[in-house]
Amino acid sequence: MNKRKLKKGAIFVLLLILLVLVFSSIVYFVIGSEVKNIYIYGNTNLTDQEIIELAKLQDYPNFYTTSSNKIENNIKKNPLIKKVKVKKRFFQQVHIYIEEYKILFKSDDKYTLENEKEITLLKDNYNVPILINYVPNTKMESFISKLKEVDDSVLIKISEIKYDPTELDEDRFLLYMNDDNYVYITLTKLDLINKYNDAIEQLEGKKGILYLDSGNYFKIMK
């Protein structure tokens, strides 16, 4: 009889231990298992902190109750986001892969993106050209289309853009460069600006006007 009581007591203790372990596991996974590390890839205009705040991960919420889909939907609310993919990995890691829309230029208080949307942004320190005057609607669509093809390494060197047509060329623009050079270019040849870095390198520090609208030549400023 005593042996049976001892056996039942041992089983009871064992079951109690199992229940405690199960309960502890539930508490750990549901309450105590917060996001440990956040990794962000591909962002240029948005900072890591801005993306973390968009994702609502700044307080490191529970890893298991925060879905990848929810994080993606939160980030997509920003108009600069083109694509986003979230992957959750072992050890409570969240990996966020970002693709942003390219910002082409700023005009007044609005930024024009590669998808042709005009947006207002809270932050105002993006390194993009400023369009300083009016461009007719008949030219704007082509202007945006061509500007999409400009390499980022060249686009960031353009300080201001002026629509500067002549009687002979209604598609001419003047680009003010950050290095104090000027470039005249026409829409049909706007892709030539991608060779700007190579062209300037050959000028050995000389400053002037690069004419890419009619012929390709450089005029040194006195």
Protein backbone atom coordinates (compact mmCIF):
# COMPACT_ATOMS: atom_id res chain seq x y z
CA MET A 1 0.00 0.00 0.00
CA ASN A 2 2.81 2.39 0.88
CA LYS A 3 4.57 1.54 -2.38
CA ARG A 4 1.41 2.40 -4.32
CA LYS A 5 1.12 5.74 -2.53
CA LEU A 6 4.77 6.49 -3.24
CA LYS A 7 4.31 5.54 -6.89
CA LYS A 8 1.21 7.74 -7.20
CA GLY A 9 3.08 10.55 -5.44
CA ALA A 10 6.02 10.26 -7.84
CA ILE A 11 3.67 10.33 -10.84
CA PHE A 12 1.91 13.38 -9.42
CA VAL A 13 5.23 15.18 -8.92
CA LEU A 14 6.32 14.24 -12.44
CA LEU A 15 3.05 15.53 -13.92
CA LEU A 16 3.40 18.71 -11.89
CA ILE A 17 6.93 19.23 -13.20
CA LEU A 18 5.73 18.66 -16.77
CA LEU A 19 2.90 21.16 -16.29
CA VAL A 20 5.34 23.72 -14.94
CA LEU A 21 7.66 23.16 -17.89
CA VAL A 22 4.80 23.48 -20.39
CA PHE A 23 3.50 26.61 -18.69
CA SER A 24 7.00 28.11 -18.59
CA SER A 25 7.45 27.37 -22.28
CA ILE A 26 4.15 29.07 -23.09
CA VAL A 27 5.11 32.10 -21.04
CA TYR A 28 8.51 32.23 -22.75
CA PHE A 29 7.18 31.97 -26.30
CA VAL A 30 4.10 34.16 -25.84
CA ILE A 31 5.33 36.76 -23.36
CA GLY A 32 9.10 36.72 -23.03
CA SER A 33 10.27 36.01 -26.56
CA GLU A 34 10.67 39.49 -28.00
CA VAL A 35 12.42 40.40 -31.24
CA LYS A 36 16.17 40.29 -30.58
CA ASN A 37 17.78 41.67 -33.74
CA ILE A 38 16.55 43.65 -36.77
CA TYR A 39 18.51 43.70 -40.03
CA ILE A 40 17.61 46.08 -42.88
CA TYR A 41 18.86 45.90 -46.46
CA GLY A 42 18.51 48.09 -49.57
CA ASN A 43 17.33 51.37 -48.06
CA THR A 44 18.85 54.63 -49.29
CA ASN A 45 16.51 57.52 -48.56
CA LEU A 46 14.91 56.08 -45.45
CA THR A 47 17.12 55.43 -42.44
CA ASP A 48 17.15 52.15 -40.54
CA GLN A 49 15.43 53.85 -37.62
CA GLU A 50 12.68 55.23 -39.85
CA ILE A 51 12.00 51.77 -41.25
CA ILE A 52 11.98 50.23 -37.76
CA GLU A 53 9.41 52.82 -36.70
CA LEU A 54 7.34 52.23 -39.84
CA ALA A 55 7.41 48.50 -39.08
CA LYS A 56 6.36 49.25 -35.48
CA LEU A 57 9.31 47.28 -34.16
CA GLN A 58 10.90 50.08 -32.12
CA ASP A 59 9.73 48.51 -28.85
CA TYR A 60 10.90 45.04 -29.90
CA PRO A 61 7.51 43.28 -29.67
CA ASN A 62 6.90 39.57 -29.33
CA PHE A 63 8.61 37.70 -32.14
CA TYR A 64 5.95 35.00 -32.51
CA THR A 65 2.84 37.16 -32.40
CA THR A 66 4.17 39.76 -34.87
CA SER A 67 3.63 38.43 -38.39
CA SER A 68 5.86 39.16 -41.38
CA ASN A 69 2.79 40.19 -43.37
CA LYS A 70 1.83 42.77 -40.76
CA ILE A 71 5.34 44.23 -40.75
CA GLU A 72 5.33 44.45 -44.57
CA ASN A 73 1.94 46.18 -44.63
CA ASN A 74 3.11 48.73 -42.07
CA ILE A 75 6.22 49.59 -44.08
CA LYS A 76 4.31 49.82 -47.37
CA LYS A 77 2.36 52.78 -46.03
CA ASN A 78 5.35 55.00 -46.79
CA PRO A 79 5.14 56.31 -50.40
CA LEU A 80 8.89 55.85 -50.87
CA ILE A 81 8.55 52.08 -50.52
CA LYS A 82 8.40 50.20 -53.81
CA LYS A 83 8.79 46.65 -52.50
CA VAL A 84 9.38 45.10 -49.10
CA LYS A 85 10.01 41.53 -47.99
CA VAL A 86 10.28 40.42 -44.38
CA LYS A 87 11.86 37.16 -43.28
CA LYS A 88 11.80 35.90 -39.68
CA ARG A 89 14.70 33.66 -38.74
CA PHE A 90 15.99 31.68 -35.78
CA PHE A 91 17.04 33.44 -32.57
CA GLN A 92 14.25 36.03 -32.94
CA GLN A 93 15.84 37.77 -35.93
CA VAL A 94 13.82 39.94 -38.33
CA HIS A 95 15.35 40.62 -41.75
CA ILE A 96 13.76 43.42 -43.81
CA TYR A 97 14.57 43.77 -47.53
CA ILE A 98 13.68 47.18 -48.99
CA GLU A 99 13.38 48.55 -52.51
CA GLU A 100 12.62 52.26 -52.68
CA TYR A 101 11.22 54.42 -55.42
CA LYS A 102 13.87 56.68 -56.88
CA ILE A 103 13.41 60.37 -56.04
CA LEU A 104 13.98 62.27 -59.28
CA PHE A 105 13.72 65.90 -58.21
CA LYS A 106 12.10 68.41 -55.91
CA SER A 107 9.84 71.22 -57.10
CA ASP A 108 8.30 73.69 -54.66
CA ASP A 109 7.57 71.53 -51.60
CA LYS A 110 6.94 68.28 -53.46
CA TYR A 111 9.17 65.43 -54.51
CA THR A 112 8.60 63.61 -57.80
CA LEU A 113 9.24 59.87 -57.78
CA GLU A 114 10.06 57.51 -60.62
CA ASN A 115 6.44 56.34 -60.63
CA GLU A 116 5.53 59.98 -61.45
CA LYS A 117 3.82 60.55 -58.12
CA GLU A 118 4.33 63.87 -56.37
CA ILE A 119 4.62 63.52 -52.62
CA THR A 120 5.32 65.71 -49.61
CA LEU A 121 7.84 64.34 -47.12
CA LEU A 122 8.32 65.29 -43.50
CA LYS A 123 12.07 65.16 -43.86
CA ASP A 124 13.59 67.69 -46.23
CA ASN A 125 17.23 66.75 -46.60
CA TYR A 126 17.17 64.37 -49.55
CA ASN A 127 20.08 64.86 -51.91
CA VAL A 128 18.12 65.33 -55.15
CA PRO A 129 18.05 68.06 -57.84
CA ILE A 130 15.71 71.01 -57.47
CA LEU A 131 13.61 71.95 -60.50
CA ILE A 132 13.63 75.75 -60.34
CA ASN A 133 11.07 76.68 -62.97
CA TYR A 134 7.96 75.52 -64.78
CA VAL A 135 8.11 72.68 -67.30
CA PRO A 136 5.15 72.39 -69.70
CA ASN A 137 3.04 69.26 -69.33
CA THR A 138 3.91 68.34 -72.91
CA LYS A 139 7.58 68.09 -71.86
CA MET A 140 7.25 66.88 -68.28
CA GLU A 141 6.30 63.28 -69.09
CA SER A 142 9.32 62.84 -71.35
CA PHE A 143 11.55 64.67 -68.86
CA ILE A 144 10.57 62.29 -66.04
CA SER A 145 10.94 59.26 -68.30
CA LYS A 146 14.47 60.28 -69.29
CA LEU A 147 15.50 61.28 -65.77
CA LYS A 148 14.66 57.79 -64.53
CA GLU A 149 17.58 56.49 -66.56
CA VAL A 150 20.14 58.81 -65.00
CA ASP A 151 22.58 56.95 -62.77
CA ASP A 152 22.31 57.71 -59.06
CA SER A 153 26.01 58.61 -58.97
CA VAL A 154 25.33 61.43 -61.45
CA LEU A 155 21.88 62.47 -60.22
CA ILE A 156 23.26 63.37 -56.78
CA LYS A 157 25.74 65.73 -58.49
CA ILE A 158 22.95 67.79 -60.05
CA SER A 159 22.08 70.71 -57.78
CA GLU A 160 19.39 72.45 -59.84
CA ILE A 161 17.56 71.90 -63.10
CA LYS A 162 16.20 74.70 -65.29
CA TYR A 163 13.97 74.28 -68.31
CA ASP A 164 15.80 76.51 -70.79
CA PRO A 165 14.34 76.15 -74.30
CA THR A 166 15.44 78.07 -77.39
CA GLU A 167 13.77 78.74 -80.72
CA LEU A 168 15.72 75.85 -82.18
CA ASP A 169 15.37 73.43 -79.27
CA GLU A 170 12.23 73.35 -77.15
CA ASP A 171 13.60 70.35 -75.23
CA ARG A 172 16.71 72.02 -73.82
CA PHE A 173 17.54 72.00 -70.10
CA LEU A 174 20.33 73.57 -68.08
CA LEU A 175 21.83 71.50 -65.24
CA TYR A 176 23.64 73.21 -62.40
CA MET A 177 26.17 70.77 -60.98
CA ASN A 178 27.41 70.60 -57.40
CA ASP A 179 31.01 70.92 -58.60
CA ASP A 180 30.30 74.39 -60.10
CA ASN A 181 30.05 73.17 -63.69
CA TYR A 182 27.04 73.67 -65.97
CA VAL A 183 25.56 71.29 -68.52
CA TYR A 184 23.26 72.14 -71.41
CA ILE A 185 21.39 69.09 -72.57
CA THR A 186 18.34 68.20 -74.63
CA LEU A 187 15.79 65.52 -73.77
CA THR A 188 16.74 63.20 -76.60
CA LYS A 189 20.34 63.19 -75.35
CA LEU A 190 19.71 63.15 -71.62
CA ASP A 191 21.25 59.68 -71.36
CA LEU A 192 24.64 61.29 -72.19
CA ILE A 193 24.73 62.82 -68.71
CA ASN A 194 25.58 59.34 -67.42
CA LYS A 195 29.06 59.91 -68.86
CA TYR A 196 29.49 63.09 -66.82
CA ASN A 197 31.85 61.61 -64.23
CA ASP A 198 34.22 60.32 -66.92
CA ALA A 199 34.09 63.59 -68.88
CA ILE A 200 34.85 65.78 -65.86
CA GLU A 201 37.71 63.55 -64.77
CA GLN A 202 39.49 64.31 -68.04
CA LEU A 203 39.17 68.08 -67.47
CA GLU A 204 41.58 67.95 -64.51
CA GLY A 205 39.67 70.37 -62.27
CA LYS A 206 38.76 72.95 -64.92
CA LYS A 207 35.36 74.62 -64.49
CA GLY A 208 33.02 75.57 -67.28
CA ILE A 209 30.01 74.66 -69.39
CA LEU A 210 29.52 71.25 -70.96
CA TYR A 211 27.38 71.44 -74.08
CA LEU A 212 25.56 68.18 -74.76
CA ASP A 213 22.58 69.73 -76.51
CA SER A 214 24.26 70.46 -79.85
CA GLY A 215 27.59 68.77 -80.25
CA ASN A 216 29.71 67.58 -77.36
CA TYR A 217 32.22 70.18 -76.19
CA PHE A 218 33.36 71.94 -73.04
CA LYS A 219 33.81 75.70 -72.68
CA ILE A 220 36.11 76.83 -69.87
CA MET A 221 34.82 79.72 -67.78
CA LYS A 222 37.18 82.63 -67.26
